[in-house]
Amino acid sequence: MPPYLYKITVAFAWPNWPFICSQVFGENQPTYSCVCESQPYATYGFATPQTPADLGPLVRVELISD
């Protein structure tokens, strides 16, 4: 597992995870991802700490490990 693991939770159905990931983390590419297209959450891992973008109340990002 990468040292910095982030969980993104959305408040809508069938999210476009590649798009959401790029909006939250910009050009930074995760080294790990666990995505289920039909679920409202996905997990992304990075080797370095990230500063996720605030996309408003419908998209929550939390650091779950460091």
C-alpha atoms as a PDB file:
ATOM      1  CA  MET A   1       0.000   0.000   0.000  1.00  0.00           C
ATOM      2  CA  PRO A   2       1.213   3.520  -0.721  1.00  0.00           C
ATOM      3  CA  PRO A   3       1.944   5.622   2.357  1.00  0.00           C
ATOM      4  CA  TYR A   4      -0.721   8.263   1.544  1.00  0.00           C
ATOM      5  CA  LEU A   5      -4.170   6.814   0.911  1.00  0.00           C
ATOM      6  CA  TYR A   6      -7.144   9.048   0.122  1.00  0.00           C
ATOM      7  CA  LYS A   7     -10.815   8.082   0.035  1.00  0.00           C
ATOM      8  CA  ILE A   8     -13.117  10.098  -2.218  1.00  0.00           C
ATOM      9  CA  THR A   9     -16.828   9.841  -1.486  1.00  0.00           C
ATOM     10  CA  VAL A  10     -19.447  11.369  -3.786  1.00  0.00           C
ATOM     11  CA  ALA A  11     -23.120  12.131  -3.208  1.00  0.00           C
ATOM     12  CA  PHE A  12     -24.319  10.998  -6.634  1.00  0.00           C
ATOM     13  CA  ALA A  13     -24.694   7.760  -8.575  1.00  0.00           C
ATOM     14  CA  TRP A  14     -22.370   6.344 -11.239  1.00  0.00           C
ATOM     15  CA  PRO A  15     -19.458   8.748 -10.855  1.00  0.00           C
ATOM     16  CA  ASN A  16     -16.846   9.134 -13.581  1.00  0.00           C
ATOM     17  CA  TRP A  17     -13.875   8.225 -11.379  1.00  0.00           C
ATOM     18  CA  PRO A  18     -11.052   9.111 -13.806  1.00  0.00           C
ATOM     19  CA  PHE A  19     -12.543  12.585 -14.239  1.00  0.00           C
ATOM     20  CA  ILE A  20     -13.139  13.084 -10.512  1.00  0.00           C
ATOM     21  CA  CYS A  21      -9.604  11.923  -9.674  1.00  0.00           C
ATOM     22  CA  SER A  22      -8.126  14.388 -12.163  1.00  0.00           C
ATOM     23  CA  GLN A  23     -10.233  17.220 -10.735  1.00  0.00           C
ATOM     24  CA  VAL A  24      -9.311  16.420  -7.143  1.00  0.00           C
ATOM     25  CA  PHE A  25      -5.595  15.718  -7.613  1.00  0.00           C
ATOM     26  CA  GLY A  26      -4.823  17.622 -10.824  1.00  0.00           C
ATOM     27  CA  GLU A  27      -1.983  16.196 -12.882  1.00  0.00           C
ATOM     28  CA  ASN A  28      -0.708  14.027 -10.008  1.00  0.00           C
ATOM     29  CA  GLN A  29      -1.190  10.382 -10.905  1.00  0.00           C
ATOM     30  CA  PRO A  30      -1.967   7.894  -8.141  1.00  0.00           C
ATOM     31  CA  THR A  31       0.276   4.871  -7.689  1.00  0.00           C
ATOM     32  CA  TYR A  32      -2.677   2.837  -6.410  1.00  0.00           C
ATOM     33  CA  SER A  33      -6.427   2.897  -6.984  1.00  0.00           C
ATOM     34  CA  CYS A  34      -9.396   0.848  -5.867  1.00  0.00           C
ATOM     35  CA  VAL A  35     -12.486   1.833  -7.821  1.00  0.00           C
ATOM     36  CA  CYS A  36     -15.879   0.204  -8.234  1.00  0.00           C
ATOM     37  CA  GLU A  37     -17.853   2.072 -10.872  1.00  0.00           C
ATOM     38  CA  SER A  38     -21.197   1.462  -9.144  1.00  0.00           C
ATOM     39  CA  GLN A  39     -20.095   2.612  -5.658  1.00  0.00           C
ATOM     40  CA  PRO A  40     -20.097   6.184  -4.297  1.00  0.00           C
ATOM     41  CA  TYR A  41     -16.472   5.964  -3.139  1.00  0.00           C
ATOM     42  CA  ALA A  42     -12.995   5.202  -4.470  1.00  0.00           C
ATOM     43  CA  THR A  43      -9.549   4.981  -2.901  1.00  0.00           C
ATOM     44  CA  TYR A  44      -6.359   6.425  -4.395  1.00  0.00           C
ATOM     45  CA  GLY A  45      -2.811   6.081  -3.122  1.00  0.00           C
ATOM     46  CA  PHE A  46       0.214   8.316  -3.590  1.00  0.00           C
ATOM     47  CA  ALA A  47       3.859   8.110  -2.615  1.00  0.00           C
ATOM     48  CA  THR A  48       3.854  11.740  -1.438  1.00  0.00           C
ATOM     49  CA  PRO A  49       1.243  13.844   0.409  1.00  0.00           C
ATOM     50  CA  GLN A  50      -1.318  15.553  -1.793  1.00  0.00           C
ATOM     51  CA  THR A  51      -3.378  18.710  -1.448  1.00  0.00           C
ATOM     52  CA  PRO A  52      -6.758  17.747  -2.867  1.00  0.00           C
ATOM     53  CA  ALA A  53      -8.953  20.368  -4.512  1.00  0.00           C
ATOM     54  CA  ASP A  54     -12.204  21.261  -2.768  1.00  0.00           C
ATOM     55  CA  LEU A  55     -14.995  20.347  -5.180  1.00  0.00           C
ATOM     56  CA  GLY A  56     -17.794  21.339  -2.833  1.00  0.00           C
ATOM     57  CA  PRO A  57     -20.213  19.454  -0.620  1.00  0.00           C
ATOM     58  CA  LEU A  58     -20.978  16.661  -3.102  1.00  0.00           C
ATOM     59  CA  VAL A  59     -17.365  15.388  -3.149  1.00  0.00           C
ATOM     60  CA  ARG A  60     -15.569  14.619   0.114  1.00  0.00           C
ATOM     61  CA  VAL A  61     -11.879  13.708   0.250  1.00  0.00           C
ATOM     62  CA  GLU A  62     -10.292  12.251   3.359  1.00  0.00           C
ATOM     63  CA  LEU A  63      -6.790  11.023   4.128  1.00  0.00           C
ATOM     64  CA  ILE A  64      -7.212   7.515   5.531  1.00  0.00           C
ATOM     65  CA  SER A  65      -3.544   6.645   6.041  1.00  0.00           C
ATOM     66  CA  ASP A  66      -0.164   8.355   6.194  1.00  0.00           C
END
